[in-house]
Every structure is written in C-alpha cells, then in structure tokens.
Amino acid sequence: MKTTLTANDQTIEVEIPEEQLKKIMPKSKRWRAEEDQSYWYIDSGGSSTSTTEVGVRADDFHYKTGNYFATEEQAEKYRNYLLAIASINEFIEKEGLEFSPDWEDERQRKYYIYCFRSSTEFIWSETFSSNVQVLLLLPYFKSQEDAQKVINNCKNHLEVIRQYLT
C-alpha cells in the first residue's frame, strides 16, 4: 500500500508491504481511507477496483458492507471468498441437497459443516435444537451423507472460505 509519511515538515510517499501493514494497522477499528486516499473494492462485474475516498454514499456503502480494502490483494481474497460460497451453493442446488430445517421439530436432525481454526480438515456435526446458534455461511443438510458429499466435492472452495475467515 502506498501512503505518505510526514516528519519535520517533510512529506514522502512510501510503499508498505501488506504483512507490515497488518502489524501497524489498529486491530480494534476497521481501516478506512482518509479523504482523497485510495481504497479497493469489488465492483459489480467482480473485478477489484481502486477508487478515492471522497465521503459519498458509494464510499459509505462499500465500507458498511465490508467491501472496502486497503490493498488489491485483500479485495481479491474477498472476491474469491464470495465466489467460493456461491460455488458451493451451486453444487448443493445441482445435486438436490437443499434442505429447510424445521426448527419447531426438536427431533429432526440438522447437519452442518465446520472446521477448527488450527486445522484444514472439514467435518460435519449435527444439532436438533433451535437453541444452538451456529453462524453459518452454508446451509444445514438433512443427512450426514449430504454434508459429507459437499465436503468431498467442494474441499477447495471450503478451504478458500476457511483461509479468508482465519
């Protein structure tokens, strides 16, 4: 990322690698470009695009919806993450694996896919209750076989999602 540094009334432009940028960016607050500074977003055609923060509604919309990045690499990772979710959902539809859980039926088993942050292995689990709240990007499945079928056939897409979220 290019930025300017000012010290002793002198200003210079410097390039900061993304790994160093992560170290100096505040962790508690999402980054937002200063006015007249560039940021990246994914446009409606799926391309990573750079624009200048000028405080208009489009800038606010990109920021509020999480489509607002300091680097092109961050924007492209986000695009790949969205495409991975879409590809898995397309596979689920194509294979007829759609399932609408009945949360009133405590006996109905509902299966979901997850992984641990420290692992690249994806596994399924089940729940019966609507008292269990799992923040899912993917739908529930009616059987462990359906969940496993998605794991077996969409491993690369699942890995893109895992890498983006960790």
N, C-alpha and C. Protein backbone atom coordinates (compact mmCIF):
# COMPACT_ATOMS: atom_id res chain seq x y z
N MET A 1 0.85 -1.17 0.00
CA MET A 1 0.00 0.00 0.00
C MET A 1 0.89 1.23 0.00
N LYS A 2 0.55 2.20 -0.82
CA LYS A 2 1.28 3.47 -0.82
C LYS A 2 0.64 4.41 0.19
N THR A 3 1.47 5.09 0.95
CA THR A 3 0.99 6.07 1.91
C THR A 3 2.03 7.17 2.03
N THR A 4 1.66 8.24 2.70
CA THR A 4 2.61 9.33 2.89
C THR A 4 3.00 9.42 4.36
N LEU A 5 4.25 9.76 4.59
CA LEU A 5 4.77 9.99 5.94
C LEU A 5 5.23 11.44 6.02
N THR A 6 4.91 12.08 7.13
CA THR A 6 5.32 13.46 7.34
C THR A 6 6.07 13.56 8.65
N ALA A 7 7.27 14.14 8.59
CA ALA A 7 8.07 14.39 9.79
C ALA A 7 8.94 15.61 9.53
N ASN A 8 9.08 16.45 10.52
CA ASN A 8 9.90 17.66 10.40
C ASN A 8 9.52 18.48 9.17
N ASP A 9 8.23 18.63 8.95
CA ASP A 9 7.70 19.40 7.82
C ASP A 9 8.10 18.86 6.46
N GLN A 10 8.51 17.59 6.40
CA GLN A 10 8.86 16.94 5.13
C GLN A 10 7.89 15.78 4.92
N THR A 11 7.38 15.63 3.71
CA THR A 11 6.46 14.55 3.38
C THR A 11 7.05 13.70 2.27
N ILE A 12 7.00 12.38 2.48
CA ILE A 12 7.47 11.45 1.45
C ILE A 12 6.41 10.38 1.25
N GLU A 13 6.39 9.79 0.05
CA GLU A 13 5.49 8.69 -0.23
C GLU A 13 6.27 7.39 -0.12
N VAL A 14 5.69 6.41 0.58
CA VAL A 14 6.36 5.13 0.77
C VAL A 14 5.41 3.99 0.44
N GLU A 15 5.97 2.85 0.08
CA GLU A 15 5.22 1.62 -0.17
C GLU A 15 5.39 0.71 1.04
N ILE A 16 4.27 0.29 1.64
CA ILE A 16 4.32 -0.59 2.81
C ILE A 16 3.77 -1.95 2.39
N PRO A 17 4.58 -3.03 2.52
CA PRO A 17 4.07 -4.37 2.18
C PRO A 17 2.89 -4.74 3.07
N GLU A 18 1.98 -5.59 2.56
CA GLU A 18 0.76 -5.95 3.27
C GLU A 18 1.05 -6.56 4.64
N GLU A 19 2.07 -7.42 4.74
CA GLU A 19 2.37 -8.05 6.03
C GLU A 19 2.81 -7.02 7.08
N GLN A 20 3.53 -5.98 6.67
CA GLN A 20 3.89 -4.92 7.60
C GLN A 20 2.70 -4.03 7.92
N LEU A 21 1.84 -3.83 6.93
CA LEU A 21 0.64 -3.03 7.14
C LEU A 21 -0.24 -3.66 8.22
N LYS A 22 -0.35 -5.00 8.21
CA LYS A 22 -1.15 -5.69 9.22
C LYS A 22 -0.62 -5.43 10.63
N LYS A 23 0.70 -5.28 10.76
CA LYS A 23 1.30 -5.07 12.07
C LYS A 23 1.02 -3.66 12.62
N ILE A 24 0.90 -2.68 11.72
CA ILE A 24 0.73 -1.31 12.20
C ILE A 24 -0.70 -0.82 12.18
N MET A 25 -1.59 -1.53 11.48
CA MET A 25 -2.99 -1.11 11.43
C MET A 25 -3.64 -1.40 12.78
N PRO A 26 -4.46 -0.51 13.29
CA PRO A 26 -5.13 -0.77 14.57
C PRO A 26 -6.05 -1.99 14.45
N LYS A 27 -6.02 -2.84 15.46
CA LYS A 27 -6.81 -4.07 15.43
C LYS A 27 -8.25 -3.83 15.87
N SER A 28 -8.48 -2.84 16.69
CA SER A 28 -9.81 -2.64 17.25
C SER A 28 -10.75 -1.89 16.31
N LYS A 29 -10.24 -1.23 15.30
CA LYS A 29 -11.08 -0.44 14.41
C LYS A 29 -10.78 -0.84 12.97
N ARG A 30 -11.85 -1.04 12.19
CA ARG A 30 -11.64 -1.34 10.78
C ARG A 30 -10.99 -0.16 10.08
N TRP A 31 -10.12 -0.48 9.15
CA TRP A 31 -9.42 0.56 8.40
C TRP A 31 -10.41 1.27 7.47
N ARG A 32 -10.25 2.56 7.41
CA ARG A 32 -10.97 3.36 6.43
C ARG A 32 -10.01 4.41 5.90
N ALA A 33 -10.00 4.59 4.61
CA ALA A 33 -9.11 5.55 3.98
C ALA A 33 -9.46 6.97 4.43
N GLU A 34 -8.44 7.78 4.51
CA GLU A 34 -8.66 9.21 4.74
C GLU A 34 -9.23 9.82 3.47
N GLU A 35 -9.84 10.98 3.58
CA GLU A 35 -10.37 11.66 2.40
C GLU A 35 -9.25 11.87 1.38
N ASP A 36 -9.55 11.62 0.12
CA ASP A 36 -8.62 11.71 -1.02
C ASP A 36 -7.57 10.60 -1.04
N GLN A 37 -7.72 9.58 -0.20
CA GLN A 37 -6.84 8.41 -0.20
C GLN A 37 -7.56 7.28 -0.94
N SER A 38 -6.80 6.42 -1.58
CA SER A 38 -7.38 5.32 -2.34
C SER A 38 -7.75 4.14 -1.45
N TYR A 39 -8.77 3.41 -1.90
CA TYR A 39 -9.12 2.11 -1.32
C TYR A 39 -9.57 1.20 -2.45
N TRP A 40 -9.69 -0.09 -2.15
CA TRP A 40 -10.08 -1.10 -3.13
C TRP A 40 -11.43 -1.69 -2.76
N TYR A 41 -12.19 -2.10 -3.78
CA TYR A 41 -13.46 -2.80 -3.57
C TYR A 41 -13.69 -3.72 -4.76
N ILE A 42 -14.68 -4.62 -4.63
CA ILE A 42 -15.08 -5.49 -5.73
C ILE A 42 -16.28 -4.84 -6.42
N ASP A 43 -16.14 -4.58 -7.72
CA ASP A 43 -17.22 -3.91 -8.44
C ASP A 43 -18.28 -4.92 -8.87
N SER A 44 -19.34 -4.43 -9.51
CA SER A 44 -20.46 -5.29 -9.88
C SER A 44 -20.11 -6.33 -10.93
N GLY A 45 -18.98 -6.17 -11.59
CA GLY A 45 -18.51 -7.17 -12.57
C GLY A 45 -17.56 -8.19 -11.97
N GLY A 46 -17.26 -8.04 -10.67
CA GLY A 46 -16.37 -8.99 -10.00
C GLY A 46 -14.90 -8.63 -10.07
N SER A 47 -14.59 -7.45 -10.55
CA SER A 47 -13.19 -7.03 -10.63
C SER A 47 -12.79 -6.21 -9.41
N SER A 48 -11.53 -6.34 -9.01
CA SER A 48 -11.03 -5.48 -7.93
C SER A 48 -10.74 -4.12 -8.54
N THR A 49 -11.26 -3.09 -7.89
CA THR A 49 -11.20 -1.73 -8.43
C THR A 49 -10.72 -0.77 -7.35
N SER A 50 -9.88 0.14 -7.74
CA SER A 50 -9.40 1.18 -6.83
C SER A 50 -10.18 2.46 -7.09
N THR A 51 -10.51 3.14 -6.01
CA THR A 51 -11.18 4.43 -6.11
C THR A 51 -10.69 5.32 -4.98
N THR A 52 -11.08 6.55 -5.01
CA THR A 52 -10.65 7.51 -3.99
C THR A 52 -11.79 7.80 -3.03
N GLU A 53 -11.49 7.76 -1.74
CA GLU A 53 -12.46 8.09 -0.70
C GLU A 53 -12.76 9.57 -0.77
N VAL A 54 -14.04 9.89 -1.03
CA VAL A 54 -14.46 11.29 -1.06
C VAL A 54 -15.67 11.53 -0.16
N GLY A 55 -16.09 10.48 0.58
CA GLY A 55 -17.18 10.65 1.53
C GLY A 55 -18.57 10.60 0.94
N VAL A 56 -18.71 10.03 -0.26
CA VAL A 56 -20.03 9.93 -0.88
C VAL A 56 -20.72 8.65 -0.45
N ARG A 57 -22.01 8.51 -0.81
CA ARG A 57 -22.78 7.34 -0.41
C ARG A 57 -22.15 6.03 -0.88
N ALA A 58 -21.57 6.02 -2.05
CA ALA A 58 -20.94 4.78 -2.55
C ALA A 58 -19.79 4.37 -1.63
N ASP A 59 -18.99 5.32 -1.20
CA ASP A 59 -17.89 5.01 -0.26
C ASP A 59 -18.45 4.44 1.04
N ASP A 60 -19.49 5.07 1.57
CA ASP A 60 -20.12 4.59 2.81
C ASP A 60 -20.69 3.19 2.62
N PHE A 61 -21.32 2.95 1.48
CA PHE A 61 -21.90 1.64 1.22
C PHE A 61 -20.82 0.57 1.16
N HIS A 62 -19.75 0.83 0.42
CA HIS A 62 -18.65 -0.14 0.36
C HIS A 62 -18.12 -0.44 1.75
N TYR A 63 -17.92 0.60 2.55
CA TYR A 63 -17.37 0.43 3.89
C TYR A 63 -18.35 -0.36 4.78
N LYS A 64 -19.60 0.04 4.81
CA LYS A 64 -20.58 -0.59 5.70
C LYS A 64 -20.87 -2.04 5.34
N THR A 65 -20.71 -2.41 4.08
CA THR A 65 -20.97 -3.78 3.66
C THR A 65 -19.72 -4.64 3.64
N GLY A 66 -18.59 -4.10 4.10
CA GLY A 66 -17.36 -4.89 4.18
C GLY A 66 -16.63 -5.04 2.86
N ASN A 67 -17.03 -4.30 1.85
CA ASN A 67 -16.40 -4.36 0.53
C ASN A 67 -15.49 -3.13 0.38
N TYR A 68 -14.48 -3.06 1.24
CA TYR A 68 -13.65 -1.86 1.37
C TYR A 68 -12.30 -2.30 1.92
N PHE A 69 -11.23 -2.14 1.13
CA PHE A 69 -9.95 -2.73 1.48
C PHE A 69 -8.78 -1.79 1.23
N ALA A 70 -7.75 -1.97 2.03
CA ALA A 70 -6.55 -1.16 1.89
C ALA A 70 -5.71 -1.59 0.69
N THR A 71 -5.79 -2.88 0.32
CA THR A 71 -4.94 -3.38 -0.77
C THR A 71 -5.77 -4.16 -1.79
N GLU A 72 -5.23 -4.26 -2.98
CA GLU A 72 -5.87 -5.06 -4.02
C GLU A 72 -5.92 -6.53 -3.62
N GLU A 73 -4.86 -7.00 -2.97
CA GLU A 73 -4.81 -8.40 -2.53
C GLU A 73 -5.95 -8.73 -1.57
N GLN A 74 -6.25 -7.82 -0.65
CA GLN A 74 -7.35 -8.04 0.29
C GLN A 74 -8.68 -8.10 -0.46
N ALA A 75 -8.86 -7.22 -1.43
CA ALA A 75 -10.10 -7.21 -2.22
C ALA A 75 -10.24 -8.51 -3.01
N GLU A 76 -9.16 -9.00 -3.58
CA GLU A 76 -9.22 -10.23 -4.36
C GLU A 76 -9.51 -11.45 -3.48
N LYS A 77 -8.99 -11.46 -2.27
CA LYS A 77 -9.30 -12.55 -1.33
C LYS A 77 -10.79 -12.54 -1.00
N TYR A 78 -11.35 -11.37 -0.82
CA TYR A 78 -12.78 -11.23 -0.55
C TYR A 78 -13.60 -11.74 -1.73
N ARG A 79 -13.20 -11.36 -2.94
CA ARG A 79 -13.91 -11.83 -4.14
C ARG A 79 -13.87 -13.35 -4.22
N ASN A 80 -12.69 -13.94 -3.98
CA ASN A 80 -12.56 -15.39 -4.04
C ASN A 80 -13.41 -16.08 -2.98
N TYR A 81 -13.51 -15.46 -1.81
CA TYR A 81 -14.35 -15.96 -0.72
C TYR A 81 -15.82 -15.97 -1.15
N LEU A 82 -16.29 -14.87 -1.74
CA LEU A 82 -17.68 -14.80 -2.20
C LEU A 82 -17.95 -15.83 -3.29
N LEU A 83 -16.99 -15.99 -4.21
CA LEU A 83 -17.16 -16.96 -5.29
C LEU A 83 -17.16 -18.38 -4.76
N ALA A 84 -16.38 -18.66 -3.71
CA ALA A 84 -16.36 -20.00 -3.12
C ALA A 84 -17.71 -20.34 -2.51
N ILE A 85 -18.30 -19.39 -1.78
CA ILE A 85 -19.63 -19.62 -1.20
C ILE A 85 -20.65 -19.86 -2.31
N ALA A 86 -20.60 -19.05 -3.35
CA ALA A 86 -21.54 -19.21 -4.47
C ALA A 86 -21.37 -20.56 -5.16
N SER A 87 -20.13 -20.99 -5.34
CA SER A 87 -19.86 -22.28 -6.00
C SER A 87 -20.39 -23.45 -5.18
N ILE A 88 -20.22 -23.39 -3.87
CA ILE A 88 -20.74 -24.46 -3.01
C ILE A 88 -22.27 -24.47 -3.06
N ASN A 89 -22.87 -23.32 -3.01
CA ASN A 89 -24.34 -23.26 -3.08
C ASN A 89 -24.86 -23.76 -4.43
N GLU A 90 -24.13 -23.50 -5.51
CA GLU A 90 -24.49 -24.03 -6.83
C GLU A 90 -24.40 -25.55 -6.84
N PHE A 91 -23.35 -26.10 -6.21
CA PHE A 91 -23.21 -27.55 -6.13
C PHE A 91 -24.38 -28.16 -5.35
N ILE A 92 -24.72 -27.55 -4.23
CA ILE A 92 -25.82 -28.03 -3.39
C ILE A 92 -27.12 -28.06 -4.21
N GLU A 93 -27.37 -27.00 -4.96
CA GLU A 93 -28.58 -26.94 -5.78
C GLU A 93 -28.55 -27.99 -6.89
N LYS A 94 -27.42 -28.07 -7.58
CA LYS A 94 -27.27 -29.03 -8.70
C LYS A 94 -27.48 -30.47 -8.23
N GLU A 95 -26.99 -30.78 -7.04
CA GLU A 95 -27.09 -32.14 -6.50
C GLU A 95 -28.40 -32.40 -5.75
N GLY A 96 -29.26 -31.39 -5.65
CA GLY A 96 -30.54 -31.56 -4.97
C GLY A 96 -30.39 -31.75 -3.47
N LEU A 97 -29.42 -31.05 -2.87
CA LEU A 97 -29.14 -31.21 -1.44
C LEU A 97 -29.77 -30.10 -0.59
N GLU A 98 -30.65 -29.29 -1.19
CA GLU A 98 -31.28 -28.21 -0.43
C GLU A 98 -32.12 -28.81 0.70
N PHE A 99 -32.16 -28.09 1.81
CA PHE A 99 -32.88 -28.57 2.99
C PHE A 99 -33.32 -27.37 3.80
N SER A 100 -34.59 -27.36 4.18
CA SER A 100 -35.11 -26.29 5.05
C SER A 100 -35.42 -26.90 6.41
N PRO A 101 -34.58 -26.64 7.39
CA PRO A 101 -34.80 -27.23 8.72
C PRO A 101 -36.12 -26.76 9.34
N ASP A 102 -36.76 -27.68 10.04
CA ASP A 102 -37.97 -27.36 10.81
C ASP A 102 -37.52 -27.14 12.25
N TRP A 103 -37.34 -25.88 12.66
CA TRP A 103 -36.80 -25.58 13.98
C TRP A 103 -37.80 -25.85 15.09
N GLU A 104 -39.06 -26.09 14.71
CA GLU A 104 -40.06 -26.46 15.71
C GLU A 104 -39.94 -27.94 16.08
N ASP A 105 -39.34 -28.74 15.20
CA ASP A 105 -39.20 -30.17 15.41
C ASP A 105 -37.84 -30.46 16.07
N GLU A 106 -37.87 -30.62 17.38
CA GLU A 106 -36.64 -30.87 18.16
C GLU A 106 -36.04 -32.24 17.85
N ARG A 107 -36.80 -33.13 17.23
CA ARG A 107 -36.28 -34.47 16.91
C ARG A 107 -35.60 -34.51 15.55
N GLN A 108 -35.86 -33.52 14.71
CA GLN A 108 -35.27 -33.52 13.37
C GLN A 108 -33.78 -33.21 13.48
N ARG A 109 -32.97 -34.05 12.87
CA ARG A 109 -31.53 -33.81 12.85
C ARG A 109 -31.20 -32.82 11.74
N LYS A 110 -30.27 -31.95 12.06
CA LYS A 110 -29.84 -30.92 11.13
C LYS A 110 -28.31 -30.94 11.14
N TYR A 111 -27.70 -31.07 9.97
CA TYR A 111 -26.25 -31.24 9.87
C TYR A 111 -25.63 -29.99 9.28
N TYR A 112 -24.43 -29.67 9.74
CA TYR A 112 -23.70 -28.52 9.21
C TYR A 112 -22.22 -28.85 9.11
N ILE A 113 -21.52 -28.06 8.30
CA ILE A 113 -20.08 -28.25 8.05
C ILE A 113 -19.31 -27.21 8.82
N TYR A 114 -18.21 -27.63 9.42
CA TYR A 114 -17.33 -26.69 10.12
C TYR A 114 -15.91 -27.22 10.12
N CYS A 115 -14.99 -26.39 10.56
CA CYS A 115 -13.61 -26.82 10.79
C CYS A 115 -13.05 -26.00 11.93
N PHE A 116 -12.01 -26.53 12.54
CA PHE A 116 -11.31 -25.79 13.58
C PHE A 116 -10.32 -24.84 12.94
N ARG A 117 -10.07 -23.71 13.57
CA ARG A 117 -9.14 -22.72 13.01
C ARG A 117 -7.75 -23.31 12.76
N SER A 118 -7.34 -24.24 13.59
CA SER A 118 -5.98 -24.79 13.50
C SER A 118 -5.89 -25.99 12.57
N SER A 119 -6.98 -26.30 11.85
CA SER A 119 -7.00 -27.50 11.03
C SER A 119 -7.50 -27.17 9.63
N THR A 120 -7.08 -27.99 8.67
CA THR A 120 -7.60 -27.85 7.32
C THR A 120 -8.61 -28.95 7.02
N GLU A 121 -8.96 -29.74 8.04
CA GLU A 121 -9.93 -30.81 7.86
C GLU A 121 -11.34 -30.27 8.11
N PHE A 122 -12.24 -30.57 7.20
CA PHE A 122 -13.63 -30.16 7.34
C PHE A 122 -14.44 -31.36 7.82
N ILE A 123 -15.33 -31.12 8.75
CA ILE A 123 -16.15 -32.18 9.31
C ILE A 123 -17.59 -31.71 9.42
N TRP A 124 -18.49 -32.63 9.63
CA TRP A 124 -19.88 -32.28 9.81
C TRP A 124 -20.25 -32.55 11.26
N SER A 125 -21.27 -31.90 11.71
CA SER A 125 -21.83 -32.14 13.03
C SER A 125 -23.34 -31.99 12.91
N GLU A 126 -24.04 -32.30 13.99
CA GLU A 126 -25.49 -32.22 13.94
C GLU A 126 -26.02 -31.47 15.14
N THR A 127 -27.22 -30.97 14.97
CA THR A 127 -27.94 -30.35 16.07
C THR A 127 -29.41 -30.70 15.91
N PHE A 128 -30.11 -30.72 17.00
CA PHE A 128 -31.55 -30.98 16.99
C PHE A 128 -32.32 -29.71 17.34
N SER A 129 -31.67 -28.82 18.04
CA SER A 129 -32.34 -27.74 18.73
C SER A 129 -32.16 -26.40 18.04
N SER A 130 -33.17 -25.57 18.16
CA SER A 130 -33.04 -24.20 17.68
C SER A 130 -32.31 -23.35 18.71
N ASN A 131 -32.01 -23.93 19.88
CA ASN A 131 -31.25 -23.21 20.92
C ASN A 131 -29.78 -23.12 20.58
N VAL A 132 -29.32 -23.93 19.64
CA VAL A 132 -27.93 -23.89 19.21
C VAL A 132 -27.84 -22.94 18.04
N GLN A 133 -27.09 -21.87 18.20
CA GLN A 133 -26.94 -20.89 17.13
C GLN A 133 -25.55 -21.02 16.54
N VAL A 134 -25.48 -21.49 15.32
CA VAL A 134 -24.22 -21.61 14.60
C VAL A 134 -24.24 -20.55 13.51
N LEU A 135 -23.23 -19.73 13.47
CA LEU A 135 -23.16 -18.71 12.42
C LEU A 135 -22.64 -19.37 11.16
N LEU A 136 -23.54 -19.63 10.25
CA LEU A 136 -23.20 -20.40 9.05
C LEU A 136 -23.21 -19.54 7.81
N LEU A 137 -22.31 -19.86 6.92
CA LEU A 137 -22.32 -19.27 5.59
C LEU A 137 -22.98 -20.23 4.63
N LEU A 138 -23.03 -21.50 5.04
CA LEU A 138 -23.60 -22.55 4.22
C LEU A 138 -24.86 -23.06 4.90
N PRO A 139 -25.74 -23.69 4.14
CA PRO A 139 -26.99 -24.16 4.73
C PRO A 139 -26.80 -25.41 5.59
N TYR A 140 -27.85 -25.77 6.31
CA TYR A 140 -27.90 -27.06 7.00
C TYR A 140 -28.21 -28.15 5.98
N PHE A 141 -27.91 -29.39 6.36
CA PHE A 141 -28.18 -30.53 5.49
C PHE A 141 -29.08 -31.52 6.23
N LYS A 142 -29.83 -32.32 5.45
CA LYS A 142 -30.77 -33.26 6.07
C LYS A 142 -30.09 -34.55 6.53
N SER A 143 -28.86 -34.80 6.05
CA SER A 143 -28.19 -36.04 6.45
C SER A 143 -26.68 -35.81 6.50
N GLN A 144 -26.02 -36.72 7.23
CA GLN A 144 -24.56 -36.65 7.29
C GLN A 144 -23.97 -36.99 5.92
N GLU A 145 -24.65 -37.81 5.15
CA GLU A 145 -24.16 -38.15 3.81
C GLU A 145 -24.16 -36.92 2.90
N ASP A 146 -25.21 -36.11 3.00
CA ASP A 146 -25.27 -34.89 2.18
C ASP A 146 -24.14 -33.93 2.57
N ALA A 147 -23.94 -33.75 3.87
CA ALA A 147 -22.87 -32.86 4.32
C ALA A 147 -21.52 -33.38 3.86
N GLN A 148 -21.31 -34.69 3.98
CA GLN A 148 -20.03 -35.28 3.57
C GLN A 148 -19.82 -35.15 2.07
N LYS A 149 -20.90 -35.26 1.30
CA LYS A 149 -20.80 -35.11 -0.16
C LYS A 149 -20.29 -33.71 -0.53
N VAL A 150 -20.78 -32.71 0.18
CA VAL A 150 -20.30 -31.34 -0.06
C VAL A 150 -18.83 -31.23 0.34
N ILE A 151 -18.47 -31.79 1.48
CA ILE A 151 -17.07 -31.75 1.91
C ILE A 151 -16.18 -32.40 0.86
N ASN A 152 -16.57 -33.58 0.39
CA ASN A 152 -15.75 -34.33 -0.57
C ASN A 152 -15.61 -33.62 -1.91
N ASN A 153 -16.68 -32.95 -2.35
CA ASN A 153 -16.68 -32.36 -3.69
C ASN A 153 -16.31 -30.87 -3.73
N CYS A 154 -16.31 -30.22 -2.59
CA CYS A 154 -16.08 -28.78 -2.57
C CYS A 154 -14.93 -28.39 -1.64
N LYS A 155 -14.00 -29.29 -1.43
CA LYS A 155 -12.91 -29.07 -0.48
C LYS A 155 -12.11 -27.81 -0.80
N ASN A 156 -11.81 -27.58 -2.06
CA ASN A 156 -11.04 -26.39 -2.43
C ASN A 156 -11.80 -25.10 -2.08
N HIS A 157 -13.09 -25.08 -2.35
CA HIS A 157 -13.90 -23.90 -2.03
C HIS A 157 -14.01 -23.72 -0.52
N LEU A 158 -14.18 -24.82 0.21
CA LEU A 158 -14.24 -24.73 1.67
C LEU A 158 -12.93 -24.18 2.23
N GLU A 159 -11.82 -24.56 1.62
CA GLU A 159 -10.51 -24.07 2.08
C GLU A 159 -10.36 -22.57 1.82
N VAL A 160 -10.87 -22.09 0.70
CA VAL A 160 -10.83 -20.64 0.42
C VAL A 160 -11.61 -19.90 1.51
N ILE A 161 -12.77 -20.42 1.89
CA ILE A 161 -13.59 -19.80 2.94
C ILE A 161 -12.84 -19.82 4.26
N ARG A 162 -12.26 -20.98 4.61
CA ARG A 162 -11.53 -21.09 5.88
C ARG A 162 -10.38 -20.09 5.94
N GLN A 163 -9.61 -20.01 4.87
CA GLN A 163 -8.47 -19.09 4.84
C GLN A 163 -8.90 -17.65 4.97
N TYR A 164 -10.01 -17.29 4.36
CA TYR A 164 -10.49 -15.92 4.44
C TYR A 164 -10.93 -15.58 5.86
N LEU A 165 -11.58 -16.52 6.53
CA LEU A 165 -12.13 -16.26 7.86
C LEU A 165 -11.12 -16.37 8.98
N THR A 166 -9.95 -16.94 8.71
CA THR A 166 -8.95 -17.08 9.78
C THR A 166 -7.78 -16.16 9.57
